[in-house]
């Protein structure tokens, strides 16, 4: 158990930090990808953009070279030796709820079109809420995870 003095110091520390400062994790840069439309001119750019899309916690819009457009959440990717044998797997946002496989080589454009549902919901932000409630004198504090919408 933390002493009252330790709790007070922690509250003071967190009170002087912005949400952006709290959200930073050492060793990992926080990128705001929402709304980003990456260049896909080279194989390296395609691979890098799709890795970021895999880590993104919102929907993306993929335009295939055929002109078909698919919007959904990327939940898996399989990287092969070329763009033809590398695939992303996504759950479409609308219509058929089946999973869709798209070869990297079929992708003409990618847009981070959906809201990043995990933005601002780091463990550090969660702990800050606890300390704020504690500072306000609340008792029997239980922090529930926020809904991701």
Protein backbone atom coordinates (compact mmCIF):
# COMPACT_ATOMS: atom_id res chain seq x y z
CA UNK A 1 0.00 0.00 0.00
CA UNK A 2 1.20 3.46 -0.85
CA UNK A 3 1.44 5.98 1.93
CA UNK A 4 -0.66 9.12 1.84
CA UNK A 5 2.47 11.18 1.10
CA UNK A 6 3.40 8.90 -1.84
CA UNK A 7 -0.14 9.17 -3.21
CA UNK A 8 -0.05 12.96 -2.91
CA UNK A 9 3.27 13.14 -4.77
CA UNK A 10 1.93 10.90 -7.55
CA UNK A 11 -1.20 13.06 -7.90
CA UNK A 12 0.94 16.20 -8.12
CA UNK A 13 3.16 14.56 -10.75
CA UNK A 14 0.21 13.50 -12.93
CA UNK A 15 -1.54 16.86 -12.56
CA UNK A 16 1.27 18.57 -14.46
CA UNK A 17 1.28 16.18 -17.42
CA UNK A 18 -0.81 16.50 -20.54
CA UNK A 19 -2.67 13.53 -22.01
CA UNK A 20 -0.06 13.41 -24.81
CA UNK A 21 2.78 13.13 -22.28
CA UNK A 22 0.99 10.38 -20.39
CA UNK A 23 0.23 8.46 -23.57
CA UNK A 24 3.86 8.18 -24.65
CA UNK A 25 5.43 4.80 -24.03
CA UNK A 26 9.18 4.67 -23.82
CA UNK A 27 10.69 3.21 -26.98
CA UNK A 28 7.54 3.63 -29.07
CA UNK A 29 6.58 6.71 -31.06
CA UNK A 30 2.93 7.58 -31.00
CA UNK A 31 1.63 8.38 -34.45
CA UNK A 32 -1.69 9.93 -35.27
CA UNK A 33 -2.64 7.89 -38.31
CA UNK A 34 -6.31 8.82 -38.39
CA UNK A 35 -7.07 10.32 -41.83
CA UNK A 36 -3.63 9.47 -43.26
CA UNK A 37 -3.41 8.36 -46.90
CA UNK A 38 0.08 6.93 -47.41
CA UNK A 39 2.04 6.89 -50.65
CA UNK A 40 2.25 3.36 -52.03
CA UNK A 41 4.79 3.93 -54.79
CA UNK A 42 7.34 1.30 -53.75
CA UNK A 43 7.15 -2.20 -52.27
CA UNK A 44 8.75 -0.89 -49.06
CA UNK A 45 6.08 1.84 -48.73
CA UNK A 46 3.28 -0.71 -49.25
CA UNK A 47 4.72 -3.03 -46.60
CA UNK A 48 5.33 -0.22 -44.09
CA UNK A 49 1.83 1.25 -44.56
CA UNK A 50 0.18 -2.16 -44.13
CA UNK A 51 2.19 -2.86 -40.95
CA UNK A 52 0.90 0.43 -39.54
CA UNK A 53 -2.62 -0.47 -40.70
CA UNK A 54 -2.34 -3.78 -38.83
CA UNK A 55 -1.42 -1.93 -35.60
CA UNK A 56 -4.15 0.69 -36.15
CA UNK A 57 -7.26 0.28 -33.98
CA UNK A 58 -9.72 1.72 -36.45
CA UNK A 59 -11.09 0.94 -39.88
CA UNK A 60 -9.09 1.44 -43.06
CA UNK A 61 -10.29 1.82 -46.63
CA UNK A 62 -8.51 -0.24 -49.27
CA UNK A 63 -8.96 0.49 -52.97
CA UNK A 64 -8.00 -2.44 -55.14
CA UNK A 65 -6.38 -2.00 -58.55
CA UNK A 66 -9.66 -3.32 -60.00
CA UNK A 67 -11.44 -0.27 -58.52
CA UNK A 68 -13.28 -2.21 -55.79
CA UNK A 69 -13.29 -0.47 -52.40
CA UNK A 70 -13.31 -2.38 -49.11
CA UNK A 71 -13.59 -0.69 -45.73
CA UNK A 72 -12.95 -2.61 -42.53
CA UNK A 73 -10.70 -3.58 -39.66
CA UNK A 74 -7.41 -5.34 -40.45
CA UNK A 75 -7.00 -8.16 -37.95
CA UNK A 76 -4.22 -10.19 -39.60
CA UNK A 77 -1.52 -10.04 -42.26
CA UNK A 78 0.66 -12.66 -43.87
CA UNK A 79 3.92 -11.40 -45.28
CA UNK A 80 5.50 -13.35 -48.10
CA UNK A 81 8.55 -12.84 -50.25
CA UNK A 82 6.67 -10.59 -52.70
CA UNK A 83 3.57 -8.37 -52.73
CA UNK A 84 1.69 -11.08 -54.65
CA UNK A 85 2.10 -13.67 -51.91
CA UNK A 86 1.56 -11.24 -48.99
CA UNK A 87 -2.00 -10.74 -47.71
CA UNK A 88 -4.02 -8.63 -45.29
CA UNK A 89 -7.15 -10.05 -43.73
CA UNK A 90 -9.94 -7.75 -42.68
CA UNK A 91 -13.46 -7.75 -41.33
CA UNK A 92 -15.62 -5.52 -43.57
CA UNK A 93 -17.34 -2.59 -41.86
CA UNK A 94 -20.54 -3.00 -43.87
CA UNK A 95 -22.46 -5.76 -45.55
CA UNK A 96 -21.17 -9.31 -45.40
CA UNK A 97 -19.55 -10.03 -42.05
CA UNK A 98 -17.22 -12.64 -43.55
CA UNK A 99 -13.48 -12.11 -43.57
CA UNK A 100 -11.77 -10.77 -46.69
CA UNK A 101 -8.25 -11.61 -47.92
CA UNK A 102 -6.52 -9.02 -50.09
CA UNK A 103 -3.08 -9.52 -51.64
CA UNK A 104 -0.70 -6.60 -51.11
CA UNK A 105 -0.15 -6.61 -54.88
CA UNK A 106 -3.88 -5.88 -55.48
CA UNK A 107 -3.84 -2.69 -53.38
CA UNK A 108 -3.86 0.60 -55.28
CA UNK A 109 -4.64 2.91 -52.32
CA UNK A 110 -4.97 2.77 -48.55
CA UNK A 111 -6.63 5.30 -46.23
CA UNK A 112 -6.84 5.30 -42.45
CA UNK A 113 -10.50 6.27 -42.64
CA UNK A 114 -11.97 5.16 -39.30
CA UNK A 115 -11.60 6.71 -35.89
CA UNK A 116 -8.76 5.27 -33.82
CA UNK A 117 -10.82 3.72 -31.02
CA UNK A 118 -7.81 3.19 -28.76
CA UNK A 119 -6.45 6.76 -28.90
CA UNK A 120 -5.98 8.18 -25.41
CA UNK A 121 -6.83 4.89 -23.70
CA UNK A 122 -3.41 3.84 -22.49
CA UNK A 123 -2.68 2.23 -19.15
CA UNK A 124 -1.08 5.48 -17.99
CA UNK A 125 -4.27 7.44 -18.76
CA UNK A 126 -6.26 4.80 -16.91
CA UNK A 127 -4.00 5.08 -13.83
CA UNK A 128 -4.24 8.89 -13.94
CA UNK A 129 -8.03 8.60 -13.58
CA UNK A 130 -7.51 6.44 -10.51
CA UNK A 131 -5.25 9.03 -8.87
CA UNK A 132 -7.67 11.84 -9.76
CA UNK A 133 -10.52 9.96 -8.07
CA UNK A 134 -8.29 9.25 -5.07
CA UNK A 135 -7.36 12.95 -4.83
CA UNK A 136 -11.05 13.87 -4.93
CA UNK A 137 -11.53 11.74 -1.82
CA UNK A 138 -13.48 8.91 -3.41
CA UNK A 139 -13.49 5.61 -1.52
CA UNK A 140 -13.67 2.03 -2.82
CA UNK A 141 -12.38 3.15 -6.20
CA UNK A 142 -12.62 0.64 -8.98
CA UNK A 143 -11.51 1.71 -12.41
CA UNK A 144 -13.45 -0.04 -15.12
CA UNK A 145 -12.01 -0.29 -18.62
CA UNK A 146 -13.58 2.16 -21.04
CA UNK A 147 -15.70 0.87 -23.88
CA UNK A 148 -13.96 1.07 -27.23
CA UNK A 149 -17.27 1.94 -28.97
